[in-house]
Amino acid sequence: MVMMAPFQCSRADAMCSACQQRIITGGWRPEDTRAWRDPVQTMTCEACLSGLYRLADRHGPVLSFGTYLGISDRQRAELTAVHEAAHAVVGEALGAQMTEAVIRNDEMDLSGSPTIRGGTVDWDHSNGIPLATWSTMAMAGVSSEIAWQRRNGLHTQTYLVDAAWQAAFDTASILGSADRTTRPADEVIANGLNLANKIVGEDWDHIAAVADELGRTRRMDRAAVLAAMERARPSRPMATPAPAVPAPRSSPSLPTSSGGSSMSGIDEIRGVLARAVEMTEQAQHALAEAARAVDGARQAVAQVAQSSSRDEVQQVLAQYGVTGDAVHTAGGQLAVSADQIRTYAAQL
């Protein structure tokens, strides 16, 4: 009996463009894992299923899905170290405290599928970690992989899908936390990714320094991570981050409507903080509207750009992209602030 060898390919080879874009921007979700575990039985996207059948017709019925096909073992190891280092560096930048980063090669359940995980970063949860902070440091993994792709000339649609798959455990951890709140999961992930992109860009030198040492030692505690960051050339001025969960030593003194500073009642302080959260959320909604308007304008200009090669049109498109990224980043920063205020109020 002759056994047919499996043909190794990327999931993106069969995935439709709509699902690719959804996963790249919104993360690899548990339902995606379940769909690709046994696609003939569980795939709900007809376009992706047709893509699978086309692959099977071309290469045989036995398909094996992998990630980052075509890169070297050295690059794969470097990428894993960068992913875990980004979790550690971004979390520390936001005030969380990691305890240990480890390069692993073990199997863990992911939505009912045994899946290899490349590494982990453990955290001190004794004071709690706000959801917005958690989503940002979780999405730092996929953000750093995309940054690594750009720096190595490997920024392709297929590898973007692979990066989302590599971060499936991270996305699942955000969804598990978001389920216990009223915040829409899509919003939590989008805000986390936008702020992660900003911090990864600013702190790349620190991420690279931690990744280099983690790749060699395969295990780093917090002291080693901070020391590696200190030795690196600062990507931006280093400052001691504010604690993720402020713990006041005494009742704070806040200005009253008359301009004094006599507020001391806990309920009154919580009322002020609740109003601050409400105003922050209003600002978030305004930024979300602004982001949609910018994207609409960009799409309108893009239609013209298809029939125009003028430099001015291309410059406008590029500026819309920069502006949109800035608006999304600002929304993510406001989400972190609102979560920290809520946590602070709950601790009073």
C-alpha atoms as a PDB file:
ATOM      1  CA  MET A   1       0.000   0.000   0.000  1.00  0.00           C
ATOM      2  CA  VAL A   2       1.458   3.363  -1.038  1.00  0.00           C
ATOM      3  CA  MET A   3       0.919   6.236   1.390  1.00  0.00           C
ATOM      4  CA  MET A   4       0.690   9.724  -0.069  1.00  0.00           C
ATOM      5  CA  ALA A   5       2.958  12.269   1.583  1.00  0.00           C
ATOM      6  CA  PRO A   6       1.118  15.390   2.801  1.00  0.00           C
ATOM      7  CA  PHE A   7       1.587  18.604   0.876  1.00  0.00           C
ATOM      8  CA  GLN A   8       2.687  21.373   3.241  1.00  0.00           C
ATOM      9  CA  CYS A   9       1.120  24.766   2.687  1.00  0.00           C
ATOM     10  CA  SER A  10       0.008  27.890   4.509  1.00  0.00           C
ATOM     11  CA  ARG A  11      -3.574  28.416   5.601  1.00  0.00           C
ATOM     12  CA  ALA A  12      -3.480  31.632   3.577  1.00  0.00           C
ATOM     13  CA  ASP A  13      -3.028  29.519   0.416  1.00  0.00           C
ATOM     14  CA  ALA A  14      -6.645  28.404   0.728  1.00  0.00           C
ATOM     15  CA  MET A  15      -8.149  31.282   2.696  1.00  0.00           C
ATOM     16  CA  CYS A  16     -10.328  33.831   0.911  1.00  0.00           C
ATOM     17  CA  SER A  17      -9.232  37.476   0.941  1.00  0.00           C
ATOM     18  CA  ALA A  18     -12.107  38.546   3.202  1.00  0.00           C
ATOM     19  CA  CYS A  19     -11.190  36.012   5.894  1.00  0.00           C
ATOM     20  CA  GLN A  20      -7.510  36.909   5.554  1.00  0.00           C
ATOM     21  CA  GLN A  21      -8.255  40.583   6.196  1.00  0.00           C
ATOM     22  CA  ARG A  22     -10.603  39.798   9.088  1.00  0.00           C
ATOM     23  CA  ILE A  23      -7.977  37.638  10.792  1.00  0.00           C
ATOM     24  CA  ILE A  24      -5.085  40.039  10.160  1.00  0.00           C
ATOM     25  CA  THR A  25      -6.967  42.971  11.682  1.00  0.00           C
ATOM     26  CA  GLY A  26      -9.050  41.176  14.320  1.00  0.00           C
ATOM     27  CA  GLY A  27      -6.903  38.231  15.363  1.00  0.00           C
ATOM     28  CA  TRP A  28      -7.126  34.466  14.969  1.00  0.00           C
ATOM     29  CA  ARG A  29     -10.258  33.522  16.932  1.00  0.00           C
ATOM     30  CA  PRO A  30     -11.289  30.192  18.527  1.00  0.00           C
ATOM     31  CA  GLU A  31     -13.905  29.712  15.815  1.00  0.00           C
ATOM     32  CA  ASP A  32     -11.135  29.933  13.212  1.00  0.00           C
ATOM     33  CA  THR A  33      -9.160  27.242  15.023  1.00  0.00           C
ATOM     34  CA  ARG A  34     -12.211  24.984  15.102  1.00  0.00           C
ATOM     35  CA  ALA A  35     -12.951  25.616  11.411  1.00  0.00           C
ATOM     36  CA  TRP A  36      -9.420  24.705  10.302  1.00  0.00           C
ATOM     37  CA  ARG A  37      -9.151  21.673  12.571  1.00  0.00           C
ATOM     38  CA  ASP A  38     -11.457  19.691  10.262  1.00  0.00           C
ATOM     39  CA  PRO A  39     -12.394  22.106   7.464  1.00  0.00           C
ATOM     40  CA  VAL A  40     -14.444  19.692   5.389  1.00  0.00           C
ATOM     41  CA  GLN A  41     -16.747  19.162   8.382  1.00  0.00           C
ATOM     42  CA  THR A  42     -16.609  22.519  10.172  1.00  0.00           C
ATOM     43  CA  MET A  43     -15.649  25.242   7.651  1.00  0.00           C
ATOM     44  CA  THR A  44     -18.519  27.706   7.264  1.00  0.00           C
ATOM     45  CA  CYS A  45     -16.888  30.020   4.691  1.00  0.00           C
ATOM     46  CA  GLU A  46     -17.725  28.664   1.250  1.00  0.00           C
ATOM     47  CA  ALA A  47     -14.936  30.673  -0.399  1.00  0.00           C
ATOM     48  CA  CYS A  48     -12.279  29.195   1.931  1.00  0.00           C
ATOM     49  CA  LEU A  49     -13.694  25.713   1.434  1.00  0.00           C
ATOM     50  CA  SER A  50     -13.479  26.164  -2.336  1.00  0.00           C
ATOM     51  CA  GLY A  51      -9.867  27.264  -1.899  1.00  0.00           C
ATOM     52  CA  LEU A  52      -9.120  24.069   0.021  1.00  0.00           C
ATOM     53  CA  TYR A  53     -10.643  21.933  -2.717  1.00  0.00           C
ATOM     54  CA  ARG A  54      -8.556  23.757  -5.332  1.00  0.00           C
ATOM     55  CA  LEU A  55      -5.402  23.026  -3.323  1.00  0.00           C
ATOM     56  CA  ALA A  56      -6.379  19.367  -2.984  1.00  0.00           C
ATOM     57  CA  ASP A  57      -7.053  19.078  -6.719  1.00  0.00           C
ATOM     58  CA  ARG A  58      -3.651  20.580  -7.485  1.00  0.00           C
ATOM     59  CA  HIS A  59      -1.462  18.907  -4.844  1.00  0.00           C
ATOM     60  CA  GLY A  60      -3.374  15.860  -3.635  1.00  0.00           C
ATOM     61  CA  PRO A  61      -5.975  15.283  -0.919  1.00  0.00           C
ATOM     62  CA  VAL A  62      -3.559  15.203   2.040  1.00  0.00           C
ATOM     63  CA  LEU A  63      -2.706  18.761   3.125  1.00  0.00           C
ATOM     64  CA  SER A  64      -0.514  19.822   6.045  1.00  0.00           C
ATOM     65  CA  PHE A  65      -0.718  23.420   7.255  1.00  0.00           C
ATOM     66  CA  GLY A  66       2.362  25.223   8.552  1.00  0.00           C
ATOM     67  CA  THR A  67       3.465  28.766   9.332  1.00  0.00           C
ATOM     68  CA  TYR A  68       6.297  30.881   7.968  1.00  0.00           C
ATOM     69  CA  LEU A  69       7.151  28.316   5.322  1.00  0.00           C
ATOM     70  CA  GLY A  70      10.369  29.244   3.588  1.00  0.00           C
ATOM     71  CA  ILE A  71      12.201  30.934   6.452  1.00  0.00           C
ATOM     72  CA  SER A  72      15.267  29.360   8.048  1.00  0.00           C
ATOM     73  CA  ASP A  73      15.395  27.659  11.454  1.00  0.00           C
ATOM     74  CA  ARG A  74      17.535  30.545  12.687  1.00  0.00           C
ATOM     75  CA  GLN A  75      14.932  33.090  11.588  1.00  0.00           C
ATOM     76  CA  ARG A  76      12.144  31.043  13.156  1.00  0.00           C
ATOM     77  CA  ALA A  77      13.976  30.946  16.496  1.00  0.00           C
ATOM     78  CA  GLU A  78      14.650  34.684  16.289  1.00  0.00           C
ATOM     79  CA  LEU A  79      10.987  35.364  15.541  1.00  0.00           C
ATOM     80  CA  THR A  80       9.832  33.347  18.553  1.00  0.00           C
ATOM     81  CA  ALA A  81      12.209  35.240  20.836  1.00  0.00           C
ATOM     82  CA  VAL A  82      11.039  38.592  19.434  1.00  0.00           C
ATOM     83  CA  HIS A  83       7.394  37.634  20.023  1.00  0.00           C
ATOM     84  CA  GLU A  84       7.944  36.784  23.707  1.00  0.00           C
ATOM     85  CA  ALA A  85      10.304  39.728  24.279  1.00  0.00           C
ATOM     86  CA  ALA A  86       7.634  42.106  22.970  1.00  0.00           C
ATOM     87  CA  HIS A  87       5.112  40.806  25.513  1.00  0.00           C
ATOM     88  CA  ALA A  88       7.610  41.498  28.299  1.00  0.00           C
ATOM     89  CA  VAL A  89       8.789  44.933  27.123  1.00  0.00           C
ATOM     90  CA  VAL A  90       5.335  46.311  26.271  1.00  0.00           C
ATOM     91  CA  GLY A  91       3.821  45.000  29.494  1.00  0.00           C
ATOM     92  CA  GLU A  92       6.566  46.646  31.534  1.00  0.00           C
ATOM     93  CA  ALA A  93       6.092  49.896  29.598  1.00  0.00           C
ATOM     94  CA  LEU A  94       2.418  49.890  30.627  1.00  0.00           C
ATOM     95  CA  GLY A  95       3.141  49.314  34.309  1.00  0.00           C
ATOM     96  CA  ALA A  96       2.624  45.549  34.540  1.00  0.00           C
ATOM     97  CA  GLN A  97       5.379  43.427  36.077  1.00  0.00           C
ATOM     98  CA  MET A  98       6.477  40.243  34.353  1.00  0.00           C
ATOM     99  CA  THR A  99       8.061  37.466  36.402  1.00  0.00           C
ATOM    100  CA  GLU A 100       9.566  35.158  33.780  1.00  0.00           C
ATOM    101  CA  ALA A 101       9.880  34.789  30.004  1.00  0.00           C
ATOM    102  CA  VAL A 102      10.508  31.290  28.659  1.00  0.00           C
ATOM    103  CA  ILE A 103      11.092  29.820  25.195  1.00  0.00           C
ATOM    104  CA  ARG A 104       9.122  26.575  25.029  1.00  0.00           C
ATOM    105  CA  ASN A 105       8.248  23.904  22.540  1.00  0.00           C
ATOM    106  CA  ASP A 106       5.373  22.144  24.228  1.00  0.00           C
ATOM    107  CA  GLU A 107       1.810  21.274  23.359  1.00  0.00           C
ATOM    108  CA  MET A 108      -1.252  23.017  24.780  1.00  0.00           C
ATOM    109  CA  ASP A 109      -4.946  22.823  24.030  1.00  0.00           C
ATOM    110  CA  LEU A 110      -6.263  25.611  21.792  1.00  0.00           C
ATOM    111  CA  SER A 111     -10.024  25.468  21.235  1.00  0.00           C
ATOM    112  CA  GLY A 112      -9.966  21.675  21.330  1.00  0.00           C
ATOM    113  CA  SER A 113      -6.836  21.296  19.183  1.00  0.00           C
ATOM    114  CA  PRO A 114      -3.427  20.266  20.585  1.00  0.00           C
ATOM    115  CA  THR A 115      -1.204  23.142  19.453  1.00  0.00           C
ATOM    116  CA  ILE A 116       2.514  23.840  19.852  1.00  0.00           C
ATOM    117  CA  ARG A 117       3.297  27.071  21.701  1.00  0.00           C
ATOM    118  CA  GLY A 118       6.669  28.714  21.230  1.00  0.00           C
ATOM    119  CA  GLY A 119       6.981  30.481  24.560  1.00  0.00           C
ATOM    120  CA  THR A 120       5.296  32.167  27.496  1.00  0.00           C
ATOM    121  CA  VAL A 121       5.638  35.267  29.647  1.00  0.00           C
ATOM    122  CA  ASP A 122       4.309  35.048  33.203  1.00  0.00           C
ATOM    123  CA  TRP A 123       2.997  38.066  35.113  1.00  0.00           C
ATOM    124  CA  ASP A 124       2.477  39.285  38.658  1.00  0.00           C
ATOM    125  CA  HIS A 125      -1.319  39.510  39.009  1.00  0.00           C
ATOM    126  CA  SER A 126      -1.333  40.459  42.699  1.00  0.00           C
ATOM    127  CA  ASN A 127      -2.555  44.009  41.982  1.00  0.00           C
ATOM    128  CA  GLY A 128      -4.609  43.136  38.932  1.00  0.00           C
ATOM    129  CA  ILE A 129      -4.001  44.075  35.299  1.00  0.00           C
ATOM    130  CA  PRO A 130      -6.606  46.241  33.509  1.00  0.00           C
ATOM    131  CA  LEU A 131      -8.179  44.691  30.411  1.00  0.00           C
ATOM    132  CA  ALA A 132      -6.882  47.454  28.112  1.00  0.00           C
ATOM    133  CA  THR A 133      -3.359  46.892  29.407  1.00  0.00           C
ATOM    134  CA  TRP A 134      -3.662  43.127  29.028  1.00  0.00           C
ATOM    135  CA  SER A 135      -4.965  43.390  25.465  1.00  0.00           C
ATOM    136  CA  THR A 136      -2.104  45.712  24.493  1.00  0.00           C
ATOM    137  CA  MET A 137       0.653  43.534  25.931  1.00  0.00           C
ATOM    138  CA  ALA A 138      -1.004  40.409  24.482  1.00  0.00           C
ATOM    139  CA  MET A 139      -1.234  41.925  20.987  1.00  0.00           C
ATOM    140  CA  ALA A 140       2.401  43.037  21.251  1.00  0.00           C
ATOM    141  CA  GLY A 141       3.390  39.528  20.123  1.00  0.00           C
ATOM    142  CA  VAL A 142       1.730  39.743  16.714  1.00  0.00           C
ATOM    143  CA  SER A 143       2.707  43.421  16.394  1.00  0.00           C
ATOM    144  CA  SER A 144       6.377  42.551  16.917  1.00  0.00           C
ATOM    145  CA  GLU A 145       6.212  39.714  14.373  1.00  0.00           C
ATOM    146  CA  ILE A 146       4.876  42.143  11.757  1.00  0.00           C
ATOM    147  CA  ALA A 147       7.628  44.634  12.639  1.00  0.00           C
ATOM    148  CA  TRP A 148      10.190  41.820  12.322  1.00  0.00           C
ATOM    149  CA  GLN A 149       8.766  40.889   8.906  1.00  0.00           C
ATOM    150  CA  ARG A 150       9.196  44.468   7.672  1.00  0.00           C
ATOM    151  CA  ARG A 151      12.770  44.676   8.948  1.00  0.00           C
ATOM    152  CA  ASN A 152      13.658  41.423   7.215  1.00  0.00           C
ATOM    153  CA  GLY A 153      11.908  42.044   3.886  1.00  0.00           C
ATOM    154  CA  LEU A 154       9.316  39.326   4.610  1.00  0.00           C
ATOM    155  CA  HIS A 155       6.180  41.435   4.933  1.00  0.00           C
ATOM    156  CA  THR A 156       3.685  39.444   2.840  1.00  0.00           C
ATOM    157  CA  GLN A 157      -0.030  38.714   3.119  1.00  0.00           C
ATOM    158  CA  THR A 158       0.703  35.053   3.791  1.00  0.00           C
ATOM    159  CA  TYR A 159       3.094  35.838   6.633  1.00  0.00           C
ATOM    160  CA  LEU A 160       0.591  38.312   8.113  1.00  0.00           C
ATOM    161  CA  VAL A 161      -1.926  35.465   8.373  1.00  0.00           C
ATOM    162  CA  ASP A 162       0.819  33.277   9.865  1.00  0.00           C
ATOM    163  CA  ALA A 163       1.555  35.958  12.478  1.00  0.00           C
ATOM    164  CA  ALA A 164      -2.131  35.996  13.477  1.00  0.00           C
ATOM    165  CA  TRP A 165      -2.057  32.198  13.865  1.00  0.00           C
ATOM    166  CA  GLN A 166       1.106  32.425  15.994  1.00  0.00           C
ATOM    167  CA  ALA A 167      -0.776  34.808  18.303  1.00  0.00           C
ATOM    168  CA  ALA A 168      -3.878  32.601  18.628  1.00  0.00           C
ATOM    169  CA  PHE A 169      -3.177  31.887  22.320  1.00  0.00           C
ATOM    170  CA  ASP A 170      -2.782  35.639  22.923  1.00  0.00           C
ATOM    171  CA  THR A 171      -6.084  36.465  21.224  1.00  0.00           C
ATOM    172  CA  ALA A 172      -7.846  33.718  23.178  1.00  0.00           C
ATOM    173  CA  SER A 173      -6.569  35.196  26.448  1.00  0.00           C
ATOM    174  CA  ILE A 174      -8.036  38.596  25.537  1.00  0.00           C
ATOM    175  CA  LEU A 175     -11.383  37.093  24.555  1.00  0.00           C
ATOM    176  CA  GLY A 176     -11.507  35.150  27.830  1.00  0.00           C
ATOM    177  CA  SER A 177     -11.057  38.403  29.753  1.00  0.00           C
ATOM    178  CA  ALA A 178     -13.399  40.435  27.529  1.00  0.00           C
ATOM    179  CA  ASP A 179     -16.184  37.889  28.100  1.00  0.00           C
ATOM    180  CA  ARG A 180     -16.341  39.077  31.716  1.00  0.00           C
ATOM    181  CA  THR A 181     -16.941  42.717  30.719  1.00  0.00           C
ATOM    182  CA  THR A 182     -19.418  44.704  28.677  1.00  0.00           C
ATOM    183  CA  ARG A 183     -16.698  45.932  26.307  1.00  0.00           C
ATOM    184  CA  PRO A 184     -17.066  44.614  22.714  1.00  0.00           C
ATOM    185  CA  ALA A 185     -14.266  42.101  22.070  1.00  0.00           C
ATOM    186  CA  ASP A 186     -13.513  43.543  18.612  1.00  0.00           C
ATOM    187  CA  GLU A 187     -12.981  46.985  20.146  1.00  0.00           C
ATOM    188  CA  VAL A 188     -10.734  45.610  22.891  1.00  0.00           C
ATOM    189  CA  ILE A 189      -8.538  43.755  20.379  1.00  0.00           C
ATOM    190  CA  ALA A 190      -8.373  46.663  17.902  1.00  0.00           C
ATOM    191  CA  ASN A 191      -7.434  49.177  20.605  1.00  0.00           C
ATOM    192  CA  GLY A 192      -4.855  46.778  22.030  1.00  0.00           C
ATOM    193  CA  LEU A 193      -3.251  46.188  18.640  1.00  0.00           C
ATOM    194  CA  ASN A 194      -3.124  49.890  17.777  1.00  0.00           C
ATOM    195  CA  LEU A 195      -1.413  50.846  21.031  1.00  0.00           C
ATOM    196  CA  ALA A 196       0.888  47.808  20.800  1.00  0.00           C
ATOM    197  CA  ASN A 197       1.991  48.924  17.327  1.00  0.00           C
ATOM    198  CA  LYS A 198       2.940  52.325  18.723  1.00  0.00           C
ATOM    199  CA  ILE A 199       4.927  50.977  21.676  1.00  0.00           C
ATOM    200  CA  VAL A 200       6.647  48.271  19.621  1.00  0.00           C
ATOM    201  CA  GLY A 201       7.788  50.925  17.171  1.00  0.00           C
ATOM    202  CA  GLU A 202       9.105  53.170  19.925  1.00  0.00           C
ATOM    203  CA  ASP A 203      10.741  50.423  21.976  1.00  0.00           C
ATOM    204  CA  TRP A 204      12.107  48.181  19.232  1.00  0.00           C
ATOM    205  CA  ASP A 205      15.692  48.456  20.505  1.00  0.00           C
ATOM    206  CA  HIS A 206      14.607  47.167  23.906  1.00  0.00           C
ATOM    207  CA  ILE A 207      12.608  44.331  22.344  1.00  0.00           C
ATOM    208  CA  ALA A 208      15.574  43.333  20.160  1.00  0.00           C
ATOM    209  CA  ALA A 209      17.955  43.356  23.154  1.00  0.00           C
ATOM    210  CA  VAL A 210      15.659  41.166  25.263  1.00  0.00           C
ATOM    211  CA  ALA A 211      14.995  38.856  22.291  1.00  0.00           C
ATOM    212  CA  ASP A 212      18.719  38.407  21.673  1.00  0.00           C
ATOM    213  CA  GLU A 213      19.372  37.296  25.240  1.00  0.00           C
ATOM    214  CA  LEU A 214      16.176  35.238  25.483  1.00  0.00           C
ATOM    215  CA  GLY A 215      17.094  33.403  22.288  1.00  0.00           C
ATOM    216  CA  ARG A 216      20.442  32.425  23.849  1.00  0.00           C
ATOM    217  CA  THR A 217      19.326  31.637  27.409  1.00  0.00           C
ATOM    218  CA  ARG A 218      15.723  30.491  26.708  1.00  0.00           C
ATOM    219  CA  ARG A 219      14.661  31.784  30.132  1.00  0.00           C
ATOM    220  CA  MET A 220      14.823  35.264  31.691  1.00  0.00           C
ATOM    221  CA  ASP A 221      13.473  36.593  34.965  1.00  0.00           C
ATOM    222  CA  ARG A 222      12.355  40.197  35.395  1.00  0.00           C
ATOM    223  CA  ALA A 223      15.750  41.426  36.597  1.00  0.00           C
ATOM    224  CA  ALA A 224      17.423  40.014  33.481  1.00  0.00           C
ATOM    225  CA  VAL A 225      14.798  41.581  31.197  1.00  0.00           C
ATOM    226  CA  LEU A 226      15.154  45.017  32.812  1.00  0.00           C
ATOM    227  CA  ALA A 227      18.956  44.756  32.671  1.00  0.00           C
ATOM    228  CA  ALA A 228      18.857  43.917  28.949  1.00  0.00           C
ATOM    229  CA  MET A 229      16.559  46.879  28.337  1.00  0.00           C
ATOM    230  CA  GLU A 230      18.884  49.160  30.293  1.00  0.00           C
ATOM    231  CA  ARG A 231      21.897  48.077  28.227  1.00  0.00           C
ATOM    232  CA  ALA A 232      20.087  48.717  24.953  1.00  0.00           C
ATOM    233  CA  ARG A 233      20.157  52.066  23.256  1.00  0.00           C
ATOM    234  CA  PRO A 234      16.895  53.681  24.372  1.00  0.00           C
ATOM    235  CA  SER A 235      14.354  53.916  21.581  1.00  0.00           C
ATOM    236  CA  ARG A 236      12.746  56.759  23.480  1.00  0.00           C
ATOM    237  CA  PRO A 237      13.393  58.462  26.821  1.00  0.00           C
ATOM    238  CA  MET A 238      12.944  55.856  29.524  1.00  0.00           C
ATOM    239  CA  ALA A 239      10.562  56.773  32.292  1.00  0.00           C
ATOM    240  CA  THR A 240       9.210  54.846  35.213  1.00  0.00           C
ATOM    241  CA  PRO A 241       5.706  53.800  34.105  1.00  0.00           C
ATOM    242  CA  ALA A 242       2.736  54.565  36.294  1.00  0.00           C
ATOM    243  CA  PRO A 243       1.483  51.528  38.196  1.00  0.00           C
ATOM    244  CA  ALA A 244      -1.276  49.629  36.421  1.00  0.00           C
ATOM    245  CA  VAL A 245      -3.370  49.695  39.595  1.00  0.00           C
ATOM    246  CA  PRO A 246      -2.646  52.803  41.679  1.00  0.00           C
ATOM    247  CA  ALA A 247      -2.805  52.233  45.437  1.00  0.00           C
ATOM    248  CA  PRO A 248      -3.136  55.595  47.215  1.00  0.00           C
ATOM    249  CA  ARG A 249      -1.547  55.931  50.633  1.00  0.00           C
ATOM    250  CA  SER A 250      -4.266  58.379  51.718  1.00  0.00           C
ATOM    251  CA  SER A 251      -7.441  59.900  50.349  1.00  0.00           C
ATOM    252  CA  PRO A 252      -6.489  62.072  47.372  1.00  0.00           C
ATOM    253  CA  SER A 253      -7.165  65.784  47.362  1.00  0.00           C
ATOM    254  CA  LEU A 254      -9.061  66.850  44.249  1.00  0.00           C
ATOM    255  CA  PRO A 255     -10.287  70.304  43.214  1.00  0.00           C
ATOM    256  CA  THR A 256     -13.948  71.045  43.982  1.00  0.00           C
ATOM    257  CA  SER A 257     -16.269  73.130  41.813  1.00  0.00           C
ATOM    258  CA  SER A 258     -15.472  76.179  43.941  1.00  0.00           C
ATOM    259  CA  GLY A 259     -11.755  75.800  43.316  1.00  0.00           C
ATOM    260  CA  GLY A 260     -10.853  74.445  46.750  1.00  0.00           C
ATOM    261  CA  SER A 261      -9.313  71.076  47.612  1.00  0.00           C
ATOM    262  CA  SER A 262     -11.512  69.759  50.373  1.00  0.00           C
ATOM    263  CA  MET A 263     -12.843  66.591  48.757  1.00  0.00           C
ATOM    264  CA  SER A 264     -12.285  63.581  50.995  1.00  0.00           C
ATOM    265  CA  GLY A 265     -15.441  61.413  50.819  1.00  0.00           C
ATOM    266  CA  ILE A 266     -14.868  58.121  48.982  1.00  0.00           C
ATOM    267  CA  ASP A 267     -18.276  58.264  47.280  1.00  0.00           C
ATOM    268  CA  GLU A 268     -17.600  61.804  46.072  1.00  0.00           C
ATOM    269  CA  ILE A 269     -14.189  60.763  44.702  1.00  0.00           C
ATOM    270  CA  ARG A 270     -15.748  57.792  42.928  1.00  0.00           C
ATOM    271  CA  GLY A 271     -18.336  60.125  41.425  1.00  0.00           C
ATOM    272  CA  VAL A 272     -15.610  62.350  40.015  1.00  0.00           C
ATOM    273  CA  LEU A 273     -13.776  59.310  38.627  1.00  0.00           C
ATOM    274  CA  ALA A 274     -17.003  57.984  37.090  1.00  0.00           C
ATOM    275  CA  ARG A 275     -17.478  61.296  35.303  1.00  0.00           C
ATOM    276  CA  ALA A 276     -13.870  61.143  34.124  1.00  0.00           C
ATOM    277  CA  VAL A 277     -14.498  57.671  32.665  1.00  0.00           C
ATOM    278  CA  GLU A 278     -17.695  58.916  30.999  1.00  0.00           C
ATOM    279  CA  MET A 279     -15.840  61.830  29.371  1.00  0.00           C
ATOM    280  CA  THR A 280     -13.010  59.507  28.320  1.00  0.00           C
ATOM    281  CA  GLU A 281     -15.512  57.162  26.683  1.00  0.00           C
ATOM    282  CA  GLN A 282     -17.118  60.119  24.885  1.00  0.00           C
ATOM    283  CA  ALA A 283     -13.698  61.034  23.554  1.00  0.00           C
ATOM    284  CA  GLN A 284     -13.197  57.395  22.433  1.00  0.00           C
ATOM    285  CA  HIS A 285     -16.499  57.446  20.533  1.00  0.00           C
ATOM    286  CA  ALA A 286     -15.554  60.771  18.919  1.00  0.00           C
ATOM    287  CA  LEU A 287     -12.215  59.316  17.828  1.00  0.00           C
ATOM    288  CA  ALA A 288     -13.967  56.219  16.472  1.00  0.00           C
ATOM    289  CA  GLU A 289     -16.215  58.501  14.380  1.00  0.00           C
ATOM    290  CA  ALA A 290     -13.158  60.438  13.238  1.00  0.00           C
ATOM    291  CA  ALA A 291     -11.404  57.204  12.258  1.00  0.00           C
ATOM    292  CA  ARG A 292     -14.403  56.123  10.180  1.00  0.00           C
ATOM    293  CA  ALA A 293     -14.517  59.538   8.490  1.00  0.00           C
ATOM    294  CA  VAL A 294     -10.807  59.425   7.690  1.00  0.00           C
ATOM    295  CA  ASP A 295     -11.155  55.904   6.299  1.00  0.00           C
ATOM    296  CA  GLY A 296     -14.133  56.979   4.181  1.00  0.00           C
ATOM    297  CA  ALA A 297     -12.177  59.907   2.777  1.00  0.00           C
ATOM    298  CA  ARG A 298      -9.206  57.652   2.068  1.00  0.00           C
ATOM    299  CA  GLN A 299     -11.389  55.166   0.195  1.00  0.00           C
ATOM    300  CA  ALA A 300     -12.916  57.991  -1.873  1.00  0.00           C
ATOM    301  CA  VAL A 301      -9.482  59.317  -2.851  1.00  0.00           C
ATOM    302  CA  ALA A 302      -8.284  55.752  -3.506  1.00  0.00           C
ATOM    303  CA  GLN A 303     -10.957  55.392  -6.195  1.00  0.00           C
ATOM    304  CA  VAL A 304      -9.521  58.427  -7.964  1.00  0.00           C
ATOM    305  CA  ALA A 305      -5.959  57.192  -7.424  1.00  0.00           C
ATOM    306  CA  GLN A 306      -6.667  54.083  -9.499  1.00  0.00           C
ATOM    307  CA  SER A 307      -6.815  56.270 -12.604  1.00  0.00           C
ATOM    308  CA  SER A 308      -4.216  58.845 -11.555  1.00  0.00           C
ATOM    309  CA  SER A 309      -0.478  58.674 -11.121  1.00  0.00           C
ATOM    310  CA  ARG A 310      -0.084  62.206  -9.742  1.00  0.00           C
ATOM    311  CA  ASP A 311       2.213  62.434  -6.736  1.00  0.00           C
ATOM    312  CA  GLU A 312      -0.249  64.666  -4.860  1.00  0.00           C
ATOM    313  CA  VAL A 313      -2.889  61.923  -4.819  1.00  0.00           C
ATOM    314  CA  GLN A 314      -0.433  59.314  -3.519  1.00  0.00           C
ATOM    315  CA  GLN A 315       0.775  61.748  -0.845  1.00  0.00           C
ATOM    316  CA  VAL A 316      -2.797  62.357   0.314  1.00  0.00           C
ATOM    317  CA  LEU A 317      -3.406  58.598   0.591  1.00  0.00           C
ATOM    318  CA  ALA A 318      -0.229  58.172   2.628  1.00  0.00           C
ATOM    319  CA  GLN A 319      -1.214  61.039   4.924  1.00  0.00           C
ATOM    320  CA  TYR A 320      -4.677  59.571   5.445  1.00  0.00           C
ATOM    321  CA  GLY A 321      -2.988  56.335   6.484  1.00  0.00           C
ATOM    322  CA  VAL A 322      -0.746  58.120   8.998  1.00  0.00           C
ATOM    323  CA  THR A 323      -3.699  60.105  10.365  1.00  0.00           C
ATOM    324  CA  GLY A 324      -5.870  57.012  10.694  1.00  0.00           C
ATOM    325  CA  ASP A 325      -3.131  55.175  12.594  1.00  0.00           C
ATOM    326  CA  ALA A 326      -2.707  58.172  14.936  1.00  0.00           C
ATOM    327  CA  VAL A 327      -6.448  58.331  15.651  1.00  0.00           C
ATOM    328  CA  HIS A 328      -6.618  54.577  16.358  1.00  0.00           C
ATOM    329  CA  THR A 329      -3.581  54.831  18.649  1.00  0.00           C
ATOM    330  CA  ALA A 330      -5.150  57.706  20.575  1.00  0.00           C
ATOM    331  CA  GLY A 331      -8.307  55.638  21.037  1.00  0.00           C
ATOM    332  CA  GLY A 332      -6.248  52.760  22.420  1.00  0.00           C
ATOM    333  CA  GLN A 333      -4.470  55.062  24.867  1.00  0.00           C
ATOM    334  CA  LEU A 334      -7.806  56.420  26.096  1.00  0.00           C
ATOM    335  CA  ALA A 335      -9.063  52.860  26.607  1.00  0.00           C
ATOM    336  CA  VAL A 336      -6.057  52.102  28.819  1.00  0.00           C
ATOM    337  CA  SER A 337      -6.685  55.296  30.820  1.00  0.00           C
ATOM    338  CA  ALA A 338     -10.371  54.502  31.328  1.00  0.00           C
ATOM    339  CA  ASP A 339      -9.590  50.974  32.531  1.00  0.00           C
ATOM    340  CA  GLN A 340      -6.970  52.249  34.965  1.00  0.00           C
ATOM    341  CA  ILE A 341      -9.421  54.819  36.375  1.00  0.00           C
ATOM    342  CA  ARG A 342     -12.053  52.103  36.859  1.00  0.00           C
ATOM    343  CA  THR A 343      -9.545  49.892  38.632  1.00  0.00           C
ATOM    344  CA  TYR A 344      -8.404  52.792  40.833  1.00  0.00           C
ATOM    345  CA  ALA A 345     -12.014  53.587  41.811  1.00  0.00           C
ATOM    346  CA  ALA A 346     -12.693  49.950  42.669  1.00  0.00           C
ATOM    347  CA  GLN A 347      -9.648  49.925  44.999  1.00  0.00           C
ATOM    348  CA  LEU A 348     -10.849  52.931  47.041  1.00  0.00           C
END
